[in-house]
């Protein structure tokens, strides 16, 4: 089969496209014919050896795929029939014509929903949903500030927040202002300038109940100051390039909190590998997301798709920050 291969830690553009044997079907596994694999900033970190979790070399990158079931290991209870349309989260191996995922991380896609956009459901949407449901725990009608609101997790955060009945202040580049607005954001602020005063004005001076922060860097400190009494900042990533320092005095003075949300911990990417322990909780959130999508409350979209041999162009589309929606590789061709 054709696959991208990382033989040493390197830039994503230095990966090689090779013919390699299909991965073996392991116990508890499902073999998937890959229709589309997601491309993200994290993919570049993984192949450069800069991610917190390093696959054994050589390996094929790619942690989120959609496709159809080819076969299932004999020990899997209630296997999905061959041909079932699915999305799946992987440890690695997605940027290939075939991939093997754990059955607990493979979810059927209803026939009346499109296949390729579901590539956002293994990671981006559950990250946002878990941040709001498990960490922020807001009541309908409360305000949430979403940073990076036109990118993958941020845009998912806008949609999930609206599905939960929350009021949304989105922050993104001016050129993408219409993207979170189209997903139901109540107010969109330009990421080029300060935002605290605008947030306080929109909330009648009360501040927001939660912030979803995908950026980190200098945005973090001002985001803390947007929280209302008892609010929570959920840190999801550091796309702005810096890991901020926490001013503990501000937490004390404002009765606010900071929480982290690492979706990888729930799918086996952290030390100890607790994927089996967390599987019921992960599958419940995936089921909720599919239900919302089927009801029209979510709108996952593919911004751009590329054949496997145009992987460099796909990553360039991500790193340029032009994408509004997901960028995918198509191992089987267009």
Protein backbone atom coordinates (compact mmCIF):
# COMPACT_ATOMS: atom_id res chain seq x y z
CA UNK A 1 0.00 0.00 0.00
CA UNK A 2 1.05 3.65 -0.42
CA UNK A 3 1.83 5.56 2.76
CA UNK A 4 3.76 8.53 4.06
CA UNK A 5 6.76 7.33 6.06
CA UNK A 6 8.80 9.10 8.74
CA UNK A 7 12.16 7.32 9.15
CA UNK A 8 13.81 9.95 11.38
CA UNK A 9 12.65 13.12 13.13
CA UNK A 10 12.26 15.68 10.37
CA UNK A 11 10.19 18.44 8.87
CA UNK A 12 6.83 17.31 7.50
CA UNK A 13 7.89 18.31 3.98
CA UNK A 14 10.80 15.84 4.21
CA UNK A 15 8.53 12.82 4.64
CA UNK A 16 8.68 10.14 1.96
CA UNK A 17 5.84 8.51 0.04
CA UNK A 18 6.52 4.77 -0.19
CA UNK A 19 4.98 1.41 -0.92
CA UNK A 20 4.94 -0.54 2.34
CA UNK A 21 3.12 -3.66 3.61
CA UNK A 22 -0.31 -3.04 5.16
CA UNK A 23 -0.26 -2.92 8.98
CA UNK A 24 -1.04 -6.25 10.67
CA UNK A 25 -4.49 -6.67 12.20
CA UNK A 26 -3.85 -6.80 15.94
CA UNK A 27 -6.19 -8.16 18.66
CA UNK A 28 -9.02 -5.73 19.32
CA UNK A 29 -8.33 -3.98 16.02
CA UNK A 30 -10.29 -2.88 12.97
CA UNK A 31 -8.74 -2.54 9.52
CA UNK A 32 -10.00 0.55 7.67
CA UNK A 33 -9.73 1.51 4.03
CA UNK A 34 -8.79 5.15 4.49
CA UNK A 35 -10.80 7.67 2.49
CA UNK A 36 -9.42 10.79 4.19
CA UNK A 37 -6.86 11.57 6.89
CA UNK A 38 -6.67 14.83 8.80
CA UNK A 39 -3.68 17.17 8.57
CA UNK A 40 -2.94 19.48 11.51
CA UNK A 41 -0.24 21.51 13.26
CA UNK A 42 0.18 18.60 15.67
CA UNK A 43 1.11 16.31 12.77
CA UNK A 44 4.13 18.49 12.07
CA UNK A 45 5.18 18.37 15.72
CA UNK A 46 4.90 14.58 15.80
CA UNK A 47 7.14 13.94 12.78
CA UNK A 48 9.67 16.49 14.09
CA UNK A 49 9.88 14.63 17.42
CA UNK A 50 8.55 17.68 19.27
CA UNK A 51 5.25 16.22 20.46
CA UNK A 52 4.93 14.89 24.00
CA UNK A 53 4.44 11.41 22.60
CA UNK A 54 6.89 9.93 20.11
CA UNK A 55 5.96 6.95 17.90
CA UNK A 56 8.64 4.32 17.29
CA UNK A 57 10.61 4.98 14.11
CA UNK A 58 9.87 4.37 11.30
CA UNK A 59 6.17 5.15 11.32
CA UNK A 60 3.34 6.58 9.24
CA UNK A 61 1.84 9.76 10.72
CA UNK A 62 -1.88 10.50 10.96
CA UNK A 63 -4.16 10.16 13.98
CA UNK A 64 -7.64 10.83 12.56
CA UNK A 65 -9.23 9.08 9.61
CA UNK A 66 -12.53 8.34 7.92
CA UNK A 67 -13.15 5.37 5.65
CA UNK A 68 -14.81 1.98 5.47
CA UNK A 69 -14.30 -1.15 7.52
CA UNK A 70 -12.36 -3.92 5.75
CA UNK A 71 -12.08 -6.47 8.56
CA UNK A 72 -12.23 -6.79 12.32
CA UNK A 73 -10.15 -8.91 14.69
CA UNK A 74 -11.96 -12.10 15.87
CA UNK A 75 -11.87 -11.05 19.53
CA UNK A 76 -13.90 -7.86 19.01
CA UNK A 77 -17.39 -8.03 20.45
CA UNK A 78 -20.15 -6.55 18.25
CA UNK A 79 -17.93 -5.93 15.22
CA UNK A 80 -19.00 -3.44 12.57
CA UNK A 81 -19.72 -5.19 9.24
CA UNK A 82 -17.27 -4.74 6.35
CA UNK A 83 -18.21 -1.69 4.32
CA UNK A 84 -19.46 0.29 7.33
CA UNK A 85 -18.56 3.98 7.02
CA UNK A 86 -16.58 5.06 10.08
CA UNK A 87 -14.37 7.65 11.67
CA UNK A 88 -11.53 6.62 13.98
CA UNK A 89 -8.76 8.01 16.14
CA UNK A 90 -5.36 6.27 15.84
CA UNK A 91 -2.05 6.28 17.64
CA UNK A 92 -0.46 6.85 14.20
CA UNK A 93 -0.71 5.33 10.71
CA UNK A 94 -3.57 7.32 9.16
CA UNK A 95 -1.79 8.80 6.15
CA UNK A 96 -1.91 5.56 4.20
CA UNK A 97 -4.30 3.55 2.06
CA UNK A 98 -5.09 1.28 5.02
CA UNK A 99 -4.91 1.80 8.78
CA UNK A 100 -5.66 -0.28 11.87
CA UNK A 101 -7.45 1.29 14.83
CA UNK A 102 -8.65 -0.06 18.17
CA UNK A 103 -12.30 -1.08 17.88
CA UNK A 104 -13.12 1.10 20.91
CA UNK A 105 -12.00 4.11 18.87
CA UNK A 106 -13.98 3.35 15.71
CA UNK A 107 -17.42 4.96 15.33
CA UNK A 108 -20.01 4.35 12.61
CA UNK A 109 -21.16 7.32 10.52
CA UNK A 110 -24.90 7.37 9.67
CA UNK A 111 -25.53 6.83 5.96
CA UNK A 112 -27.25 10.20 5.52
CA UNK A 113 -24.18 12.15 6.70
CA UNK A 114 -21.17 12.91 4.46
CA UNK A 115 -17.98 10.93 4.96
CA UNK A 116 -15.02 13.32 4.59
CA UNK A 117 -16.15 16.06 7.06
CA UNK A 118 -16.29 13.44 9.81
CA UNK A 119 -12.48 13.61 9.96
CA UNK A 120 -13.03 16.41 12.51
CA UNK A 121 -14.96 14.14 14.88
CA UNK A 122 -12.17 11.89 16.23
CA UNK A 123 -10.20 14.76 17.83
CA UNK A 124 -11.23 18.38 17.11
CA UNK A 125 -14.90 18.22 18.14
CA UNK A 126 -14.47 15.99 21.21
CA UNK A 127 -11.64 18.24 22.43
CA UNK A 128 -14.01 21.21 22.36
CA UNK A 129 -16.93 19.21 23.75
CA UNK A 130 -14.93 17.74 26.63
CA UNK A 131 -13.56 21.18 27.48
CA UNK A 132 -17.07 22.59 27.75
CA UNK A 133 -18.85 19.61 29.26
CA UNK A 134 -16.20 18.24 31.63
CA UNK A 135 -14.20 21.33 32.55
CA UNK A 136 -16.24 24.52 32.04
CA UNK A 137 -19.62 23.03 33.07
CA UNK A 138 -21.67 26.10 32.14
CA UNK A 139 -25.44 26.49 32.23
CA UNK A 140 -27.42 27.47 29.12
CA UNK A 141 -27.40 31.21 28.59
CA UNK A 142 -23.94 31.76 30.07
CA UNK A 143 -21.16 33.41 28.04
CA UNK A 144 -18.05 31.67 26.70
CA UNK A 145 -15.08 33.28 24.95
CA UNK A 146 -13.50 31.12 22.24
CA UNK A 147 -9.97 31.96 21.11
CA UNK A 148 -8.81 30.87 17.64
CA UNK A 149 -12.46 30.57 16.70
CA UNK A 150 -12.01 30.06 12.96
CA UNK A 151 -9.57 27.14 13.29
CA UNK A 152 -10.26 23.44 13.92
CA UNK A 153 -10.81 23.11 17.68
CA UNK A 154 -11.89 26.73 18.13
CA UNK A 155 -14.55 26.54 15.44
CA UNK A 156 -15.76 23.26 16.90
CA UNK A 157 -15.94 25.05 20.25
CA UNK A 158 -18.25 27.70 18.81
CA UNK A 159 -20.60 25.05 17.42
CA UNK A 160 -20.60 22.87 20.54
CA UNK A 161 -21.19 25.90 22.74
CA UNK A 162 -24.24 26.85 20.66
CA UNK A 163 -25.50 23.25 20.83
CA UNK A 164 -25.28 23.55 24.62
CA UNK A 165 -27.29 26.78 24.61
CA UNK A 166 -24.35 29.03 25.49
CA UNK A 167 -23.74 32.57 24.26
CA UNK A 168 -20.49 32.86 22.32
CA UNK A 169 -17.88 35.57 21.89
CA UNK A 170 -15.49 34.38 19.19
CA UNK A 171 -12.06 35.81 18.47
CA UNK A 172 -10.27 35.30 15.15
CA UNK A 173 -8.59 37.14 12.28
CA UNK A 174 -10.68 39.80 10.57
CA UNK A 175 -10.58 37.96 7.23
CA UNK A 176 -12.31 34.97 8.81
CA UNK A 177 -14.90 36.90 10.82
CA UNK A 178 -17.76 35.37 8.87
CA UNK A 179 -16.76 31.81 9.76
CA UNK A 180 -17.72 31.79 13.48
CA UNK A 181 -20.66 34.08 12.70
CA UNK A 182 -21.96 31.42 10.32
CA UNK A 183 -21.79 28.91 13.18
CA UNK A 184 -23.86 31.03 15.54
CA UNK A 185 -21.36 33.21 17.42
CA UNK A 186 -23.09 36.18 19.05
CA UNK A 187 -20.07 38.48 18.70
CA UNK A 188 -16.77 38.19 16.80
CA UNK A 189 -13.70 40.15 17.87
CA UNK A 190 -10.60 40.78 15.77
CA UNK A 191 -7.61 38.80 17.03
CA UNK A 192 -5.29 41.66 16.06
CA UNK A 193 -6.15 43.87 19.03
CA UNK A 194 -6.98 43.87 22.76
CA UNK A 195 -10.29 42.34 23.69
CA UNK A 196 -10.93 42.57 27.44
CA UNK A 197 -13.00 45.77 27.31
CA UNK A 198 -15.14 44.48 24.44
CA UNK A 199 -15.81 41.21 26.30
CA UNK A 200 -16.80 43.02 29.48
CA UNK A 201 -19.04 45.40 27.51
CA UNK A 202 -20.81 42.50 25.76
CA UNK A 203 -21.46 40.74 29.06
CA UNK A 204 -22.68 43.81 30.92
CA UNK A 205 -19.48 43.96 32.92
CA UNK A 206 -19.95 40.48 34.34
CA UNK A 207 -17.31 38.69 32.27
CA UNK A 208 -17.60 35.26 30.72
CA UNK A 209 -18.22 31.97 32.48
CA UNK A 210 -15.43 30.24 30.55
CA UNK A 211 -12.67 30.78 28.03
CA UNK A 212 -11.58 28.10 25.56
CA UNK A 213 -7.95 28.98 24.90
CA UNK A 214 -6.30 27.22 21.97
CA UNK A 215 -3.62 29.90 21.63
CA UNK A 216 -1.71 30.43 24.87
CA UNK A 217 1.06 33.03 24.60
CA UNK A 218 0.15 36.64 25.40
CA UNK A 219 -3.56 35.94 24.88
CA UNK A 220 -3.68 33.86 28.06
CA UNK A 221 -3.25 36.68 30.56
CA UNK A 222 -5.88 38.94 28.99
CA UNK A 223 -8.25 35.97 28.73
CA UNK A 224 -7.99 35.43 32.49
CA UNK A 225 -9.11 39.00 33.01
CA UNK A 226 -12.23 38.34 30.92
CA UNK A 227 -13.52 35.72 33.34
CA UNK A 228 -16.39 36.52 35.64
CA UNK A 229 -16.74 35.37 39.23
CA UNK A 230 -16.16 31.62 39.44
CA UNK A 231 -15.23 31.34 35.78
CA UNK A 232 -12.81 28.84 34.27
CA UNK A 233 -10.19 29.19 31.57
CA UNK A 234 -9.71 25.86 29.80
CA UNK A 235 -6.31 25.65 28.17
CA UNK A 236 -6.32 23.40 25.10
CA UNK A 237 -3.16 24.29 23.21
CA UNK A 238 -0.48 26.84 22.45
CA UNK A 239 -0.92 27.70 18.78
CA UNK A 240 0.38 31.21 19.45
CA UNK A 241 3.74 29.65 20.27
CA UNK A 242 4.27 30.35 23.97
CA UNK A 243 3.46 28.50 27.18
CA UNK A 244 2.16 31.19 29.55
CA UNK A 245 2.92 31.65 33.23
CA UNK A 246 -0.02 31.57 35.62
CA UNK A 247 -0.56 34.63 37.89
CA UNK A 248 -1.91 32.80 40.92
CA UNK A 249 -2.79 36.04 42.69
CA UNK A 250 -5.38 36.76 40.00
CA UNK A 251 -7.04 33.37 40.58
CA UNK A 252 -7.32 34.19 44.26
CA UNK A 253 -8.59 37.74 43.81
CA UNK A 254 -11.23 36.83 41.19
CA UNK A 255 -12.25 33.37 42.47
CA UNK A 256 -11.48 31.91 39.06
CA UNK A 257 -9.81 28.72 37.89
CA UNK A 258 -7.65 27.30 35.12
CA UNK A 259 -8.14 23.75 33.84
CA UNK A 260 -6.45 21.74 31.14
CA UNK A 261 -8.07 19.50 28.56
CA UNK A 262 -5.91 16.96 26.73
CA UNK A 263 -8.16 14.72 24.62
CA UNK A 264 -5.18 12.46 23.98
CA UNK A 265 -5.28 11.33 27.60
CA UNK A 266 -8.70 9.79 26.95
CA UNK A 267 -7.60 7.85 23.86
CA UNK A 268 -4.38 6.34 25.18
CA UNK A 269 -1.78 8.96 24.31
CA UNK A 270 -0.58 9.68 27.84
CA UNK A 271 1.77 7.74 30.15
CA UNK A 272 -0.03 4.71 31.49
CA UNK A 273 -2.29 4.37 28.41
CA UNK A 274 -5.75 4.39 29.99
CA UNK A 275 -7.71 4.05 26.75
CA UNK A 276 -9.73 1.08 27.98
CA UNK A 277 -10.64 2.88 31.20
CA UNK A 278 -11.79 6.00 29.37
CA UNK A 279 -13.43 4.25 26.41
CA UNK A 280 -17.04 4.48 27.72
CA UNK A 281 -16.68 8.20 28.35
CA UNK A 282 -15.01 8.85 24.99
CA UNK A 283 -17.62 6.84 23.10
CA UNK A 284 -20.43 8.69 24.88
CA UNK A 285 -19.09 12.06 23.75
CA UNK A 286 -18.64 10.77 20.17
CA UNK A 287 -22.25 9.54 20.21
CA UNK A 288 -23.43 12.96 21.40
CA UNK A 289 -21.46 14.68 18.64
CA UNK A 290 -22.92 12.41 15.94
CA UNK A 291 -26.40 13.08 17.33
CA UNK A 292 -25.86 16.84 17.22
CA UNK A 293 -24.45 16.59 13.70
CA UNK A 294 -27.43 14.54 12.50
CA UNK A 295 -29.76 17.15 14.02
CA UNK A 296 -27.97 19.99 12.20
CA UNK A 297 -26.44 21.54 15.33
CA UNK A 298 -22.88 20.88 14.11
CA UNK A 299 -21.44 21.57 10.69
CA UNK A 300 -18.04 19.92 10.25
CA UNK A 301 -16.54 20.88 6.90
CA UNK A 302 -13.51 20.11 4.75
CA UNK A 303 -11.69 23.28 3.75
CA UNK A 304 -9.38 21.58 1.24
CA UNK A 305 -8.44 18.06 0.18
CA UNK A 306 -5.26 16.82 -1.48
CA UNK A 307 -4.09 13.48 -2.89
CA UNK A 308 -1.46 11.74 -0.79
CA UNK A 309 1.44 12.80 -3.01
CA UNK A 310 0.54 16.47 -2.45
CA UNK A 311 1.09 16.21 1.30
CA UNK A 312 3.39 19.24 1.31
CA UNK A 313 0.69 21.45 -0.20
CA UNK A 314 -1.78 20.15 2.38
CA UNK A 315 0.48 21.12 5.29
CA UNK A 316 1.15 24.51 3.68
CA UNK A 317 -2.61 25.14 3.69
CA UNK A 318 -2.64 24.43 7.44
CA UNK A 319 0.43 26.45 8.39
CA UNK A 320 -0.68 29.44 6.30
CA UNK A 321 -3.75 29.66 8.56
CA UNK A 322 -5.95 29.99 5.49
CA UNK A 323 -8.06 26.98 6.47
CA UNK A 324 -11.59 27.45 7.76
CA UNK A 325 -12.48 23.82 8.41
CA UNK A 326 -10.26 20.77 8.10
CA UNK A 327 -7.53 20.00 5.59
CA UNK A 328 -7.37 16.33 4.54
CA UNK A 329 -5.27 13.92 2.51
CA UNK A 330 -7.02 11.42 0.24
CA UNK A 331 -4.92 8.22 0.15
CA UNK A 332 -7.20 6.69 -2.48
CA UNK A 333 -7.15 9.75 -4.72
CA UNK A 334 -9.89 12.30 -5.35
